[in-house]
C-alpha atoms as a PDB file:
ATOM      1  CA  MET A   1      -3.938  25.179 -51.969  1.00  0.00           C
ATOM      2  CA  LEU A   2      -5.774  22.006 -53.435  1.00  0.00           C
ATOM      3  CA  LEU A   3      -4.789  19.038 -51.946  1.00  0.00           C
ATOM      4  CA  SER A   4      -5.149  15.109 -53.644  1.00  0.00           C
ATOM      5  CA  THR A   5      -6.800  12.770 -52.017  1.00  0.00           C
ATOM      6  CA  ARG A   6      -4.120  11.032 -51.002  1.00  0.00           C
ATOM      7  CA  GLN A   7      -2.593  13.912 -49.331  1.00  0.00           C
ATOM      8  CA  ARG A   8      -5.766  14.387 -47.114  1.00  0.00           C
ATOM      9  CA  ALA A   9      -5.765  11.032 -46.196  1.00  0.00           C
ATOM     10  CA  GLN A  10      -2.082  11.249 -45.175  1.00  0.00           C
ATOM     11  CA  LEU A  11      -3.186  14.267 -43.171  1.00  0.00           C
ATOM     12  CA  GLU A  12      -5.945  12.903 -41.515  1.00  0.00           C
ATOM     13  CA  LYS A  13      -3.856   9.692 -40.462  1.00  0.00           C
ATOM     14  CA  ILE A  14      -1.702  12.738 -39.148  1.00  0.00           C
ATOM     15  CA  ILE A  15      -4.222  13.859 -36.985  1.00  0.00           C
ATOM     16  CA  MET A  16      -5.482  10.474 -35.605  1.00  0.00           C
ATOM     17  CA  GLN A  17      -1.975  10.375 -34.455  1.00  0.00           C
ATOM     18  CA  VAL A  18      -1.918  13.346 -32.731  1.00  0.00           C
ATOM     19  CA  GLU A  19      -4.601  12.706 -30.996  1.00  0.00           C
ATOM     20  CA  LYS A  20      -4.126   9.647 -30.120  1.00  0.00           C
ATOM     21  CA  ILE A  21      -1.079  10.730 -28.390  1.00  0.00           C
ATOM     22  CA  LEU A  22      -2.502  13.832 -26.804  1.00  0.00           C
ATOM     23  CA  LEU A  23      -5.235  11.140 -25.124  1.00  0.00           C
ATOM     24  CA  GLN A  24      -2.627   9.399 -24.094  1.00  0.00           C
ATOM     25  CA  ALA A  25      -0.958  11.989 -22.409  1.00  0.00           C
ATOM     26  CA  ASP A  26      -4.062  13.038 -20.942  1.00  0.00           C
ATOM     27  CA  ALA A  27      -4.543   9.801 -19.120  1.00  0.00           C
ATOM     28  CA  ALA A  28      -0.607   9.510 -18.014  1.00  0.00           C
ATOM     29  CA  GLU A  29      -1.118  13.260 -16.366  1.00  0.00           C
ATOM     30  CA  LYS A  30      -4.644  11.752 -14.734  1.00  0.00           C
ATOM     31  CA  ARG A  31      -2.713   8.091 -13.332  1.00  0.00           C
ATOM     32  CA  ALA A  32       0.136  11.071 -12.322  1.00  0.00           C
ATOM     33  CA  ALA A  33      -2.013  13.117 -10.507  1.00  0.00           C
ATOM     34  CA  LYS A  34      -3.849  10.218  -9.033  1.00  0.00           C
ATOM     35  CA  SER A  35      -0.501   8.435  -8.112  1.00  0.00           C
ATOM     36  CA  GLN A  36       0.361  11.461  -5.933  1.00  0.00           C
ATOM     37  CA  ARG A  37      -2.751  11.472  -4.571  1.00  0.00           C
ATOM     38  CA  THR A  38      -2.647   8.055  -3.441  1.00  0.00           C
ATOM     39  CA  VAL A  39       1.091   8.692  -1.579  1.00  0.00           C
ATOM     40  CA  SER A  40       0.055  11.664  -0.134  1.00  0.00           C
ATOM     41  CA  SER A  41      -2.658   9.666   1.679  1.00  0.00           C
ATOM     42  CA  LYS A  42      -0.217   6.823   2.383  1.00  0.00           C
ATOM     43  CA  LYS A  43       2.066   9.456   4.181  1.00  0.00           C
ATOM     44  CA  ARG A  44      -1.068  10.866   6.422  1.00  0.00           C
ATOM     45  CA  GLY A  45      -0.471   7.986   8.739  1.00  0.00           C
ATOM     46  CA  ARG A  46      -1.229   3.802   8.482  1.00  0.00           C
ATOM     47  CA  LYS A  47      -4.343   1.992   8.990  1.00  0.00           C
ATOM     48  CA  PRO A  48      -3.381  -0.917  11.182  1.00  0.00           C
ATOM     49  CA  LEU A  49      -2.513  -4.311   9.214  1.00  0.00           C
ATOM     50  CA  SER A  50      -4.982  -6.606  11.289  1.00  0.00           C
ATOM     51  CA  LYS A  51      -8.411  -6.086  12.380  1.00  0.00           C
ATOM     52  CA  ASN A  52      -7.557  -6.175  15.978  1.00  0.00           C
ATOM     53  CA  GLY A  53      -5.764  -2.916  15.563  1.00  0.00           C
ATOM     54  CA  ALA A  54      -1.844  -4.351  15.571  1.00  0.00           C
ATOM     55  CA  HIS A  55       0.560  -2.240  14.160  1.00  0.00           C
ATOM     56  CA  ARG A  56       3.766  -3.186  12.642  1.00  0.00           C
ATOM     57  CA  ARG A  57       6.532  -3.204  14.905  1.00  0.00           C
ATOM     58  CA  SER A  58      10.321  -2.871  14.005  1.00  0.00           C
ATOM     59  CA  ARG A  59      12.376  -5.875  14.785  1.00  0.00           C
ATOM     60  CA  ALA A  60      14.280  -4.205  18.196  1.00  0.00           C
ATOM     61  CA  ASP A  61      10.133  -3.971  19.244  1.00  0.00           C
ATOM     62  CA  ALA A  62       9.708  -7.580  18.479  1.00  0.00           C
ATOM     63  CA  ILE A  63      12.720  -9.234  20.014  1.00  0.00           C
ATOM     64  CA  ALA A  64      11.716  -7.035  23.230  1.00  0.00           C
ATOM     65  CA  MET A  65       8.189  -8.071  22.847  1.00  0.00           C
ATOM     66  CA  ARG A  66       9.166 -11.515  22.630  1.00  0.00           C
ATOM     67  CA  LYS A  67      11.230 -11.416  25.876  1.00  0.00           C
ATOM     68  CA  GLU A  68       8.175  -9.932  27.828  1.00  0.00           C
ATOM     69  CA  ILE A  69       5.980 -12.218  26.459  1.00  0.00           C
ATOM     70  CA  ARG A  70       8.564 -15.353  27.743  1.00  0.00           C
ATOM     71  CA  ALA A  71       9.049 -13.452  31.088  1.00  0.00           C
ATOM     72  CA  ALA A  72       5.217 -13.116  32.054  1.00  0.00           C
ATOM     73  CA  ARG A  73       4.710 -16.826  30.864  1.00  0.00           C
ATOM     74  CA  ARG A  74       7.162 -17.864  33.234  1.00  0.00           C
ATOM     75  CA  LYS A  75       5.067 -15.884  35.653  1.00  0.00           C
ATOM     76  CA  GLY A  76       2.177 -17.690  35.073  1.00  0.00           C
ATOM     77  CA  ILE A  77      -0.083 -14.499  33.083  1.00  0.00           C
ATOM     78  CA  SER A  78      -2.295 -16.763  30.750  1.00  0.00           C
ATOM     79  CA  ALA A  79      -1.975 -16.461  27.550  1.00  0.00           C
ATOM     80  CA  ALA A  80      -5.364 -14.735  26.712  1.00  0.00           C
ATOM     81  CA  GLU A  81      -4.440 -11.801  28.794  1.00  0.00           C
ATOM     82  CA  LEU A  82      -0.775 -11.063  26.943  1.00  0.00           C
ATOM     83  CA  ALA A  83      -2.830 -11.717  23.895  1.00  0.00           C
ATOM     84  CA  LYS A  84      -4.921  -8.727  24.249  1.00  0.00           C
ATOM     85  CA  LYS A  85      -2.308  -6.719  25.680  1.00  0.00           C
ATOM     86  CA  TYR A  86      -0.231  -6.844  23.071  1.00  0.00           C
ATOM     87  CA  GLY A  87      -2.273  -7.372  19.980  1.00  0.00           C
ATOM     88  CA  VAL A  88      -1.592 -10.403  18.489  1.00  0.00           C
ATOM     89  CA  THR A  89      -3.145 -14.131  18.678  1.00  0.00           C
ATOM     90  CA  THR A  90      -2.952 -16.632  21.460  1.00  0.00           C
ATOM     91  CA  SER A  91      -1.670 -18.955  19.171  1.00  0.00           C
ATOM     92  CA  TYR A  92       1.868 -16.630  19.128  1.00  0.00           C
ATOM     93  CA  ILE A  93       1.953 -16.450  22.020  1.00  0.00           C
ATOM     94  CA  TYR A  94       2.152 -20.062  22.768  1.00  0.00           C
ATOM     95  CA  GLN A  95       4.668 -20.315  20.147  1.00  0.00           C
ATOM     96  CA  GLN A  96       7.002 -17.667  21.807  1.00  0.00           C
ATOM     97  CA  ARG A  97       8.785 -20.992  24.541  1.00  0.00           C
END
């Protein structure tokens, strides 16, 4: 089957489009695999959010911690000791009045 120059050019354009689609599909698969790896790594365990190792607290835990801090400050425990115990800054301890 003989093809004209125009038909060959059209076929080449079609081939280029198919190759482009295949490359995009491969890239999408790689992104999906990478996101699956990051999701699974996040499920393993959280890293501490701050440099001193403090973790995120639930709202109830934070409220309980604030009450404990206020009670300890009333008893005269130093802010530095409380900050070290709870993994927060001393300025946070002073703010809890």
